[in-house]
Amino acid sequence: MTIQQWENDLLQWIPSTNIKINETLKKYTMTKLGGKADILVLPNTEEQAAAVVKYAYENNVPLLMLGNGSNMVVRDGGVRGIVLHFALLDEIRIEGNTVYAQSGALIKEVSKQVAAKSLTGFEFACGIPGSIGGAMAMNAGAYGGEVKDIVTSCRVLTPEGKILELNNEQLELSYRKSIIAKKGYLVLSATFQLAQGDQQQIDEKIADLTFQRESKQPLEYPSAGSVFKRPPGYFAGKLIQDSELQGKGVGGAEVSTKHAGFIVNKNNATAKDYIDTIQMVQRVVKEKFDIDLEMEVKIVGED
């Protein structure tokens, strides 16, 4: 099947304005890296999303979920097949202490809206630079909180295009892991249970966490966020710092001088520069401390 055939078939469910051919993915990723997608699809509804997933499955078309592109590196050769982007599935609804958010809703926006309603429990996520879908898939966490503490249920698409509703226990959430990632599910939406809190305390906590993040993280450059998982008994950033790797890198990519756990696109890096820098860090830390740094970011696409 050709790209043209895929496009013609997808027009059964997706408006033509929501289908983009040979679309450069740099503008959809936080690293500002990556080649082109054969075809990028932005569904307006959960039903449209399910139709695309089912179509890809039944016709053996490669399918990639892009999300907010905050925890992903797209290789320079781009992505073959269909890339799904849920940016238009971004509804946020708050009813009492219950919060419903679709996959494409930005975590920062959900945090902002729940704080405005004096709801507490979501403050830890105020600076996480991703979408609800990505947060669910990796059980995102920061500053002592994580998604598993507040989520009650999640609607997902199976690789076959079937919609499932999973409760907290069924999600199998642990450190940067979930049944979602394990089974290749795609998140449609999630429901969270929060509590009424003191507005001043909520605002102060968010202000404090925002200050911590902005003062310690290299937000002035494109990056994939924290690159490595925390090794048991250690901190990845400290190991990298003690390996004297800050300021070093390949091409336009560099280990941040502000936070060693980040690799930044400092000077028009290519995806190869970025990936080579990741591998350089892994190699040096292994040589120096005999510790294997496992990536938190996902690398996709072709060289």
C-alpha atoms as a PDB file:
ATOM      1  CA  MET A   1       0.000   0.000   0.000  1.00  0.00           C
ATOM      2  CA  THR A   2       1.146   3.544  -0.740  1.00  0.00           C
ATOM      3  CA  ILE A   3       0.935   6.684   1.363  1.00  0.00           C
ATOM      4  CA  GLN A   4      -1.679   7.937  -1.084  1.00  0.00           C
ATOM      5  CA  GLN A   5      -3.756   4.805  -0.487  1.00  0.00           C
ATOM      6  CA  TRP A   6      -3.522   5.280   3.287  1.00  0.00           C
ATOM      7  CA  GLU A   7      -4.665   8.859   2.929  1.00  0.00           C
ATOM      8  CA  ASN A   8      -7.611   7.920   0.710  1.00  0.00           C
ATOM      9  CA  ASP A   9      -8.702   5.209   3.142  1.00  0.00           C
ATOM     10  CA  LEU A  10      -8.360   7.425   6.224  1.00  0.00           C
ATOM     11  CA  LEU A  11     -10.583  10.086   4.657  1.00  0.00           C
ATOM     12  CA  GLN A  12     -13.520   7.795   5.509  1.00  0.00           C
ATOM     13  CA  TRP A  13     -13.155   8.885   9.138  1.00  0.00           C
ATOM     14  CA  ILE A  14     -10.752  11.845   9.308  1.00  0.00           C
ATOM     15  CA  PRO A  15     -11.273  15.328   7.795  1.00  0.00           C
ATOM     16  CA  SER A  16      -8.689  16.129   5.106  1.00  0.00           C
ATOM     17  CA  THR A  17      -7.426  19.105   7.141  1.00  0.00           C
ATOM     18  CA  ASN A  18      -6.453  16.666   9.924  1.00  0.00           C
ATOM     19  CA  ILE A  19      -4.267  14.494   7.689  1.00  0.00           C
ATOM     20  CA  LYS A  20      -0.754  15.743   6.912  1.00  0.00           C
ATOM     21  CA  ILE A  21       1.556  14.035   4.405  1.00  0.00           C
ATOM     22  CA  ASN A  22       5.367  14.030   4.829  1.00  0.00           C
ATOM     23  CA  GLU A  23       4.989  16.221   7.892  1.00  0.00           C
ATOM     24  CA  THR A  24       8.196  17.289   9.658  1.00  0.00           C
ATOM     25  CA  LEU A  25       8.042  16.093  13.258  1.00  0.00           C
ATOM     26  CA  LYS A  26      10.522  18.627  14.693  1.00  0.00           C
ATOM     27  CA  LYS A  27       7.713  21.037  15.510  1.00  0.00           C
ATOM     28  CA  TYR A  28       5.832  18.333  17.431  1.00  0.00           C
ATOM     29  CA  THR A  29       8.694  17.288  19.735  1.00  0.00           C
ATOM     30  CA  MET A  30      10.186  19.050  22.751  1.00  0.00           C
ATOM     31  CA  THR A  31      13.725  18.321  21.519  1.00  0.00           C
ATOM     32  CA  LYS A  32      12.992  20.020  18.144  1.00  0.00           C
ATOM     33  CA  LEU A  33      14.554  16.982  16.470  1.00  0.00           C
ATOM     34  CA  GLY A  34      13.392  14.428  13.953  1.00  0.00           C
ATOM     35  CA  GLY A  35      12.618  13.715  10.327  1.00  0.00           C
ATOM     36  CA  LYS A  36       9.269  13.443   8.553  1.00  0.00           C
ATOM     37  CA  ALA A  37       6.246  11.256   9.175  1.00  0.00           C
ATOM     38  CA  ASP A  38       4.829   9.507   6.120  1.00  0.00           C
ATOM     39  CA  ILE A  39       1.404  10.547   7.341  1.00  0.00           C
ATOM     40  CA  LEU A  40       0.376  12.432  10.490  1.00  0.00           C
ATOM     41  CA  VAL A  41      -3.221  12.096  11.684  1.00  0.00           C
ATOM     42  CA  LEU A  42      -4.956  14.321  14.262  1.00  0.00           C
ATOM     43  CA  PRO A  43      -8.309  12.785  15.224  1.00  0.00           C
ATOM     44  CA  ASN A  44     -11.089  15.025  16.581  1.00  0.00           C
ATOM     45  CA  THR A  45     -12.866  12.282  18.541  1.00  0.00           C
ATOM     46  CA  GLU A  46     -12.159   9.028  20.358  1.00  0.00           C
ATOM     47  CA  GLU A  47     -14.177   7.208  17.684  1.00  0.00           C
ATOM     48  CA  GLN A  48     -11.934   8.626  14.952  1.00  0.00           C
ATOM     49  CA  ALA A  49      -8.855   7.570  16.904  1.00  0.00           C
ATOM     50  CA  ALA A  50     -10.235   4.044  17.296  1.00  0.00           C
ATOM     51  CA  ALA A  51     -10.985   3.842  13.567  1.00  0.00           C
ATOM     52  CA  VAL A  52      -7.398   4.817  12.665  1.00  0.00           C
ATOM     53  CA  VAL A  53      -5.891   2.276  15.082  1.00  0.00           C
ATOM     54  CA  LYS A  54      -8.178  -0.475  13.823  1.00  0.00           C
ATOM     55  CA  TYR A  55      -7.351   0.403  10.211  1.00  0.00           C
ATOM     56  CA  ALA A  56      -3.592   0.299  10.878  1.00  0.00           C
ATOM     57  CA  TYR A  57      -3.916  -3.053  12.662  1.00  0.00           C
ATOM     58  CA  GLU A  58      -6.059  -4.700   9.985  1.00  0.00           C
ATOM     59  CA  ASN A  59      -3.830  -3.462   7.144  1.00  0.00           C
ATOM     60  CA  ASN A  60      -0.449  -4.004   8.820  1.00  0.00           C
ATOM     61  CA  VAL A  61       0.401  -0.302   8.628  1.00  0.00           C
ATOM     62  CA  PRO A  62       3.088   0.791  11.166  1.00  0.00           C
ATOM     63  CA  LEU A  63       1.533   3.053  13.803  1.00  0.00           C
ATOM     64  CA  LEU A  64       3.213   5.412  16.275  1.00  0.00           C
ATOM     65  CA  MET A  65       1.566   7.460  19.016  1.00  0.00           C
ATOM     66  CA  LEU A  66       3.385  10.786  19.280  1.00  0.00           C
ATOM     67  CA  GLY A  67       1.673  12.388  22.276  1.00  0.00           C
ATOM     68  CA  ASN A  68       3.165  15.720  23.288  1.00  0.00           C
ATOM     69  CA  GLY A  69       6.626  14.637  22.140  1.00  0.00           C
ATOM     70  CA  SER A  70       8.133  15.502  25.520  1.00  0.00           C
ATOM     71  CA  ASN A  71       9.681  12.133  26.280  1.00  0.00           C
ATOM     72  CA  MET A  72      10.653  11.025  22.803  1.00  0.00           C
ATOM     73  CA  VAL A  73      13.517  11.387  20.336  1.00  0.00           C
ATOM     74  CA  VAL A  74      12.572  10.977  16.664  1.00  0.00           C
ATOM     75  CA  ARG A  75      15.481   9.885  14.487  1.00  0.00           C
ATOM     76  CA  ASP A  76      16.542  11.999  11.509  1.00  0.00           C
ATOM     77  CA  GLY A  77      15.121   9.547   8.965  1.00  0.00           C
ATOM     78  CA  GLY A  78      11.609  10.112  10.267  1.00  0.00           C
ATOM     79  CA  VAL A  79       8.799   7.637  10.863  1.00  0.00           C
ATOM     80  CA  ARG A  80       7.256   5.248   8.357  1.00  0.00           C
ATOM     81  CA  GLY A  81       3.538   4.559   8.414  1.00  0.00           C
ATOM     82  CA  ILE A  82       0.965   6.506  10.418  1.00  0.00           C
ATOM     83  CA  VAL A  83       1.806   8.838  13.294  1.00  0.00           C
ATOM     84  CA  LEU A  84      -1.156   9.568  15.577  1.00  0.00           C
ATOM     85  CA  HIS A  85      -1.215  12.873  17.426  1.00  0.00           C
ATOM     86  CA  PHE A  86      -3.964  13.477  20.026  1.00  0.00           C
ATOM     87  CA  ALA A  87      -3.440  17.244  20.333  1.00  0.00           C
ATOM     88  CA  LEU A  88      -7.116  17.866  19.482  1.00  0.00           C
ATOM     89  CA  LEU A  89      -8.345  15.427  22.146  1.00  0.00           C
ATOM     90  CA  ASP A  90      -7.681  17.883  24.958  1.00  0.00           C
ATOM     91  CA  GLU A  91     -10.931  18.278  26.911  1.00  0.00           C
ATOM     92  CA  ILE A  92     -10.623  18.895  30.666  1.00  0.00           C
ATOM     93  CA  ARG A  93     -13.728  18.583  32.851  1.00  0.00           C
ATOM     94  CA  ILE A  94     -13.950  19.106  36.618  1.00  0.00           C
ATOM     95  CA  GLU A  95     -16.961  17.895  38.597  1.00  0.00           C
ATOM     96  CA  GLY A  96     -16.569  18.290  42.352  1.00  0.00           C
ATOM     97  CA  ASN A  97     -13.350  16.534  43.319  1.00  0.00           C
ATOM     98  CA  THR A  98     -13.289  14.420  40.148  1.00  0.00           C
ATOM     99  CA  VAL A  99     -11.201  15.503  37.157  1.00  0.00           C
ATOM    100  CA  TYR A 100     -11.611  14.082  33.650  1.00  0.00           C
ATOM    101  CA  ALA A 101      -8.927  14.836  31.067  1.00  0.00           C
ATOM    102  CA  GLN A 102      -8.430  13.569  27.542  1.00  0.00           C
ATOM    103  CA  SER A 103      -5.103  12.197  26.359  1.00  0.00           C
ATOM    104  CA  GLY A 104      -3.963  15.331  24.539  1.00  0.00           C
ATOM    105  CA  ALA A 105      -4.614  17.703  27.448  1.00  0.00           C
ATOM    106  CA  LEU A 106      -1.362  19.185  28.725  1.00  0.00           C
ATOM    107  CA  ILE A 107      -0.474  18.245  32.288  1.00  0.00           C
ATOM    108  CA  LYS A 108       0.387  21.863  33.089  1.00  0.00           C
ATOM    109  CA  GLU A 109      -3.061  22.988  31.914  1.00  0.00           C
ATOM    110  CA  VAL A 110      -4.824  20.355  34.042  1.00  0.00           C
ATOM    111  CA  SER A 111      -2.719  21.418  37.027  1.00  0.00           C
ATOM    112  CA  LYS A 112      -3.647  25.053  36.463  1.00  0.00           C
ATOM    113  CA  GLN A 113      -7.376  24.353  36.198  1.00  0.00           C
ATOM    114  CA  VAL A 114      -7.595  22.080  39.256  1.00  0.00           C
ATOM    115  CA  ALA A 115      -5.590  24.575  41.346  1.00  0.00           C
ATOM    116  CA  ALA A 116      -8.075  27.288  40.386  1.00  0.00           C
ATOM    117  CA  LYS A 117     -10.818  25.082  41.889  1.00  0.00           C
ATOM    118  CA  SER A 118      -8.875  24.706  45.179  1.00  0.00           C
ATOM    119  CA  LEU A 119      -8.266  21.019  44.509  1.00  0.00           C
ATOM    120  CA  THR A 120      -5.131  19.460  45.991  1.00  0.00           C
ATOM    121  CA  GLY A 121      -3.177  16.362  44.974  1.00  0.00           C
ATOM    122  CA  PHE A 122      -2.073  17.432  41.507  1.00  0.00           C
ATOM    123  CA  GLU A 123       0.531  20.022  42.547  1.00  0.00           C
ATOM    124  CA  PHE A 124       3.483  17.676  41.956  1.00  0.00           C
ATOM    125  CA  ALA A 125       2.672  17.635  38.230  1.00  0.00           C
ATOM    126  CA  CYS A 126       2.577  21.412  37.705  1.00  0.00           C
ATOM    127  CA  GLY A 127       5.868  21.448  35.815  1.00  0.00           C
ATOM    128  CA  ILE A 128       5.788  18.122  33.985  1.00  0.00           C
ATOM    129  CA  PRO A 129       6.086  19.051  30.284  1.00  0.00           C
ATOM    130  CA  GLY A 130       3.856  16.405  28.760  1.00  0.00           C
ATOM    131  CA  SER A 131       0.321  15.332  28.026  1.00  0.00           C
ATOM    132  CA  ILE A 132      -2.067  13.222  30.089  1.00  0.00           C
ATOM    133  CA  GLY A 133      -1.567  10.303  27.696  1.00  0.00           C
ATOM    134  CA  GLY A 134       2.182  10.254  28.210  1.00  0.00           C
ATOM    135  CA  ALA A 135       1.813  10.778  31.951  1.00  0.00           C
ATOM    136  CA  MET A 136      -0.438   7.729  32.199  1.00  0.00           C
ATOM    137  CA  ALA A 137       1.784   5.515  30.049  1.00  0.00           C
ATOM    138  CA  MET A 138       4.890   6.168  32.164  1.00  0.00           C
ATOM    139  CA  ASN A 139       3.250   6.857  35.540  1.00  0.00           C
ATOM    140  CA  ALA A 140       4.796  10.320  35.516  1.00  0.00           C
ATOM    141  CA  GLY A 141       5.991  11.697  38.813  1.00  0.00           C
ATOM    142  CA  ALA A 142       7.925  14.527  40.400  1.00  0.00           C
ATOM    143  CA  TYR A 143       8.643  16.013  43.832  1.00  0.00           C
ATOM    144  CA  GLY A 144       7.329  13.011  45.748  1.00  0.00           C
ATOM    145  CA  GLY A 145       4.059  12.557  43.867  1.00  0.00           C
ATOM    146  CA  GLU A 146       3.061  10.353  40.957  1.00  0.00           C
ATOM    147  CA  VAL A 147       0.066   9.631  38.774  1.00  0.00           C
ATOM    148  CA  LYS A 148      -0.763   6.343  40.511  1.00  0.00           C
ATOM    149  CA  ASP A 149      -1.582   8.272  43.714  1.00  0.00           C
ATOM    150  CA  ILE A 150      -4.536  10.112  42.141  1.00  0.00           C
ATOM    151  CA  VAL A 151      -5.810   8.251  39.049  1.00  0.00           C
ATOM    152  CA  THR A 152      -9.008   6.217  39.412  1.00  0.00           C
ATOM    153  CA  SER A 153      -9.540   5.004  35.842  1.00  0.00           C
ATOM    154  CA  CYS A 154      -8.218   5.291  32.313  1.00  0.00           C
ATOM    155  CA  ARG A 155      -9.799   4.708  28.897  1.00  0.00           C
ATOM    156  CA  VAL A 156      -7.405   3.109  26.424  1.00  0.00           C
ATOM    157  CA  LEU A 157      -7.303   1.765  22.897  1.00  0.00           C
ATOM    158  CA  THR A 158      -5.862  -1.701  22.364  1.00  0.00           C
ATOM    159  CA  PRO A 159      -3.575  -2.232  19.337  1.00  0.00           C
ATOM    160  CA  GLU A 160      -6.633  -3.730  17.603  1.00  0.00           C
ATOM    161  CA  GLY A 161      -8.662  -0.548  18.095  1.00  0.00           C
ATOM    162  CA  LYS A 162     -10.890  -1.789  20.931  1.00  0.00           C
ATOM    163  CA  ILE A 163     -11.732   0.636  23.769  1.00  0.00           C
ATOM    164  CA  LEU A 164     -11.118  -0.582  27.348  1.00  0.00           C
ATOM    165  CA  GLU A 165     -11.717   1.077  30.718  1.00  0.00           C
ATOM    166  CA  LEU A 166      -9.084   0.176  33.314  1.00  0.00           C
ATOM    167  CA  ASN A 167      -9.153   0.981  37.021  1.00  0.00           C
ATOM    168  CA  ASN A 168      -6.117   1.975  39.112  1.00  0.00           C
ATOM    169  CA  GLU A 169      -5.210  -1.610  40.001  1.00  0.00           C
ATOM    170  CA  GLN A 170      -5.574  -2.850  36.425  1.00  0.00           C
ATOM    171  CA  LEU A 171      -3.200  -0.110  35.227  1.00  0.00           C
ATOM    172  CA  GLU A 172      -0.306  -1.827  37.091  1.00  0.00           C
ATOM    173  CA  LEU A 173       1.409   1.495  37.799  1.00  0.00           C
ATOM    174  CA  SER A 174       4.930   1.443  39.232  1.00  0.00           C
ATOM    175  CA  TYR A 175       8.100   3.539  38.779  1.00  0.00           C
ATOM    176  CA  ARG A 176       7.905   4.738  35.139  1.00  0.00           C
ATOM    177  CA  LYS A 177       5.902   1.646  34.195  1.00  0.00           C
ATOM    178  CA  SER A 178       2.304   0.700  33.423  1.00  0.00           C
ATOM    179  CA  ILE A 179       0.177  -1.919  31.678  1.00  0.00           C
ATOM    180  CA  ILE A 180      -0.329   0.780  29.019  1.00  0.00           C
ATOM    181  CA  ALA A 181       3.307   0.733  27.930  1.00  0.00           C
ATOM    182  CA  LYS A 182       3.582  -3.020  28.447  1.00  0.00           C
ATOM    183  CA  LYS A 183       0.615  -3.890  26.213  1.00  0.00           C
ATOM    184  CA  GLY A 184       1.028  -1.087  23.683  1.00  0.00           C
ATOM    185  CA  TYR A 185      -2.270   0.571  24.614  1.00  0.00           C
ATOM    186  CA  LEU A 186      -3.031   4.162  23.608  1.00  0.00           C
ATOM    187  CA  VAL A 187      -4.560   6.447  26.232  1.00  0.00           C
ATOM    188  CA  LEU A 188      -7.839   8.178  25.337  1.00  0.00           C
ATOM    189  CA  SER A 189      -8.610   9.791  28.692  1.00  0.00           C
ATOM    190  CA  ALA A 190      -8.094   9.492  32.428  1.00  0.00           C
ATOM    191  CA  THR A 191     -10.095  10.287  35.547  1.00  0.00           C
ATOM    192  CA  PHE A 192      -8.477  11.550  38.745  1.00  0.00           C
ATOM    193  CA  GLN A 193      -9.780  11.869  42.289  1.00  0.00           C
ATOM    194  CA  LEU A 194      -8.492  14.895  44.200  1.00  0.00           C
ATOM    195  CA  ALA A 195      -9.433  16.573  47.480  1.00  0.00           C
ATOM    196  CA  GLN A 196     -10.568  20.037  48.491  1.00  0.00           C
ATOM    197  CA  GLY A 197      -7.618  22.006  49.791  1.00  0.00           C
ATOM    198  CA  ASP A 198      -6.584  25.420  51.037  1.00  0.00           C
ATOM    199  CA  GLN A 199      -6.148  27.806  48.096  1.00  0.00           C
ATOM    200  CA  GLN A 200      -3.214  29.659  49.628  1.00  0.00           C
ATOM    201  CA  GLN A 201      -1.347  26.439  50.447  1.00  0.00           C
ATOM    202  CA  ILE A 202      -1.960  25.082  46.920  1.00  0.00           C
ATOM    203  CA  ASP A 203      -0.723  28.303  45.303  1.00  0.00           C
ATOM    204  CA  GLU A 204       2.348  28.398  47.553  1.00  0.00           C
ATOM    205  CA  LYS A 205       3.250  24.782  46.799  1.00  0.00           C
ATOM    206  CA  ILE A 206       2.921  25.328  43.036  1.00  0.00           C
ATOM    207  CA  ALA A 207       5.006  28.500  43.252  1.00  0.00           C
ATOM    208  CA  ASP A 208       7.690  26.645  45.213  1.00  0.00           C
ATOM    209  CA  LEU A 209       7.805  23.675  42.813  1.00  0.00           C
ATOM    210  CA  THR A 210       7.851  26.018  39.815  1.00  0.00           C
ATOM    211  CA  PHE A 211      10.774  27.932  41.319  1.00  0.00           C
ATOM    212  CA  GLN A 212      12.652  24.688  41.996  1.00  0.00           C
ATOM    213  CA  ARG A 213      12.097  23.505  38.454  1.00  0.00           C
ATOM    214  CA  GLU A 214      12.997  26.777  36.748  1.00  0.00           C
ATOM    215  CA  SER A 215      16.117  27.309  38.863  1.00  0.00           C
ATOM    216  CA  LYS A 216      17.458  23.772  38.419  1.00  0.00           C
ATOM    217  CA  GLN A 217      16.371  22.682  34.931  1.00  0.00           C
ATOM    218  CA  PRO A 218      17.672  23.976  31.559  1.00  0.00           C
ATOM    219  CA  LEU A 219      14.302  25.164  30.267  1.00  0.00           C
ATOM    220  CA  GLU A 220      15.964  27.686  27.966  1.00  0.00           C
ATOM    221  CA  TYR A 221      16.960  24.904  25.524  1.00  0.00           C
ATOM    222  CA  PRO A 222      14.926  22.176  23.774  1.00  0.00           C
ATOM    223  CA  SER A 223      15.295  18.806  25.511  1.00  0.00           C
ATOM    224  CA  ALA A 224      13.521  15.528  26.193  1.00  0.00           C
ATOM    225  CA  GLY A 225      13.489  16.271  29.916  1.00  0.00           C
ATOM    226  CA  SER A 226      15.131  13.817  32.270  1.00  0.00           C
ATOM    227  CA  VAL A 227      16.864  11.319  29.972  1.00  0.00           C
ATOM    228  CA  PHE A 228      17.594   8.432  32.345  1.00  0.00           C
ATOM    229  CA  LYS A 229      15.662   6.474  34.943  1.00  0.00           C
ATOM    230  CA  ARG A 230      16.919   6.575  38.507  1.00  0.00           C
ATOM    231  CA  PRO A 231      19.218   3.570  39.104  1.00  0.00           C
ATOM    232  CA  PRO A 232      18.437   1.733  42.374  1.00  0.00           C
ATOM    233  CA  GLY A 233      20.346   3.431  45.176  1.00  0.00           C
ATOM    234  CA  TYR A 234      21.692   6.244  42.993  1.00  0.00           C
ATOM    235  CA  PHE A 235      20.707   9.396  41.132  1.00  0.00           C
ATOM    236  CA  ALA A 236      21.417   9.484  37.401  1.00  0.00           C
ATOM    237  CA  GLY A 237      22.232  13.204  37.440  1.00  0.00           C
ATOM    238  CA  LYS A 238      24.790  12.777  40.246  1.00  0.00           C
ATOM    239  CA  LEU A 239      26.503   9.879  38.453  1.00  0.00           C
ATOM    240  CA  ILE A 240      26.736  11.951  35.252  1.00  0.00           C
ATOM    241  CA  GLN A 241      27.981  14.994  37.176  1.00  0.00           C
ATOM    242  CA  ASP A 242      30.608  12.897  38.980  1.00  0.00           C
ATOM    243  CA  SER A 243      31.689  11.546  35.581  1.00  0.00           C
ATOM    244  CA  GLU A 244      32.536  15.164  34.637  1.00  0.00           C
ATOM    245  CA  LEU A 245      30.292  15.046  31.580  1.00  0.00           C
ATOM    246  CA  GLN A 246      28.469  18.360  31.992  1.00  0.00           C
ATOM    247  CA  GLY A 247      29.092  20.634  29.022  1.00  0.00           C
ATOM    248  CA  LYS A 248      30.223  17.684  26.910  1.00  0.00           C
ATOM    249  CA  GLY A 249      28.357  16.199  23.988  1.00  0.00           C
ATOM    250  CA  VAL A 250      28.291  15.365  20.295  1.00  0.00           C
ATOM    251  CA  GLY A 251      27.626  17.975  17.603  1.00  0.00           C
ATOM    252  CA  GLY A 252      24.902  20.388  18.720  1.00  0.00           C
ATOM    253  CA  ALA A 253      23.785  18.232  21.679  1.00  0.00           C
ATOM    254  CA  GLU A 254      25.201  18.707  25.161  1.00  0.00           C
ATOM    255  CA  VAL A 255      24.885  17.382  28.698  1.00  0.00           C
ATOM    256  CA  SER A 256      23.354  20.364  30.484  1.00  0.00           C
ATOM    257  CA  THR A 257      25.646  22.395  32.705  1.00  0.00           C
ATOM    258  CA  LYS A 258      22.570  23.304  34.779  1.00  0.00           C
ATOM    259  CA  HIS A 259      21.251  19.771  35.397  1.00  0.00           C
ATOM    260  CA  ALA A 260      23.353  16.745  34.464  1.00  0.00           C
ATOM    261  CA  GLY A 261      20.257  14.560  33.987  1.00  0.00           C
ATOM    262  CA  PHE A 262      19.250  16.615  30.939  1.00  0.00           C
ATOM    263  CA  ILE A 263      20.690  16.557  27.435  1.00  0.00           C
ATOM    264  CA  VAL A 264      19.880  19.738  25.544  1.00  0.00           C
ATOM    265  CA  ASN A 265      19.653  20.649  21.877  1.00  0.00           C
ATOM    266  CA  LYS A 266      22.006  23.590  22.319  1.00  0.00           C
ATOM    267  CA  ASN A 267      23.034  24.388  18.764  1.00  0.00           C
ATOM    268  CA  ASN A 268      20.850  22.948  15.988  1.00  0.00           C
ATOM    269  CA  ALA A 269      21.605  19.358  16.952  1.00  0.00           C
ATOM    270  CA  THR A 270      20.553  16.439  14.824  1.00  0.00           C
ATOM    271  CA  ALA A 271      18.772  13.468  16.363  1.00  0.00           C
ATOM    272  CA  LYS A 272      21.988  11.500  15.752  1.00  0.00           C
ATOM    273  CA  ASP A 273      23.927  14.063  17.831  1.00  0.00           C
ATOM    274  CA  TYR A 274      21.393  13.673  20.632  1.00  0.00           C
ATOM    275  CA  ILE A 275      21.381   9.870  20.577  1.00  0.00           C
ATOM    276  CA  ASP A 276      25.189   9.711  20.312  1.00  0.00           C
ATOM    277  CA  THR A 277      25.404  11.954  23.388  1.00  0.00           C
ATOM    278  CA  ILE A 278      23.040   9.648  25.296  1.00  0.00           C
ATOM    279  CA  GLN A 279      25.203   6.655  24.383  1.00  0.00           C
ATOM    280  CA  MET A 280      28.388   8.509  25.313  1.00  0.00           C
ATOM    281  CA  VAL A 281      26.956   9.239  28.765  1.00  0.00           C
ATOM    282  CA  GLN A 282      25.905   5.606  29.231  1.00  0.00           C
ATOM    283  CA  ARG A 283      29.362   4.375  28.200  1.00  0.00           C
ATOM    284  CA  VAL A 284      31.308   6.718  30.498  1.00  0.00           C
ATOM    285  CA  VAL A 285      29.088   6.082  33.548  1.00  0.00           C
ATOM    286  CA  LYS A 286      29.384   2.328  32.968  1.00  0.00           C
ATOM    287  CA  GLU A 287      33.177   2.572  32.740  1.00  0.00           C
ATOM    288  CA  LYS A 288      33.479   4.789  35.817  1.00  0.00           C
ATOM    289  CA  PHE A 289      30.864   3.307  38.159  1.00  0.00           C
ATOM    290  CA  ASP A 290      29.863  -0.015  36.533  1.00  0.00           C
ATOM    291  CA  ILE A 291      26.239   1.169  36.501  1.00  0.00           C
ATOM    292  CA  ASP A 292      23.960   0.818  33.491  1.00  0.00           C
ATOM    293  CA  LEU A 293      21.867   3.941  32.924  1.00  0.00           C
ATOM    294  CA  GLU A 294      18.486   2.976  31.499  1.00  0.00           C
ATOM    295  CA  MET A 295      16.801   5.516  29.256  1.00  0.00           C
ATOM    296  CA  GLU A 296      13.570   7.143  30.334  1.00  0.00           C
ATOM    297  CA  VAL A 297      13.113   8.625  26.862  1.00  0.00           C
ATOM    298  CA  LYS A 298      11.898   6.602  23.891  1.00  0.00           C
ATOM    299  CA  ILE A 299      13.825   6.622  20.608  1.00  0.00           C
ATOM    300  CA  VAL A 300      11.736   6.048  17.478  1.00  0.00           C
ATOM    301  CA  GLY A 301      12.012   6.249  13.716  1.00  0.00           C
ATOM    302  CA  GLU A 302      14.725   5.529  11.174  1.00  0.00           C
ATOM    303  CA  ASP A 303      18.310   6.766  10.838  1.00  0.00           C
END
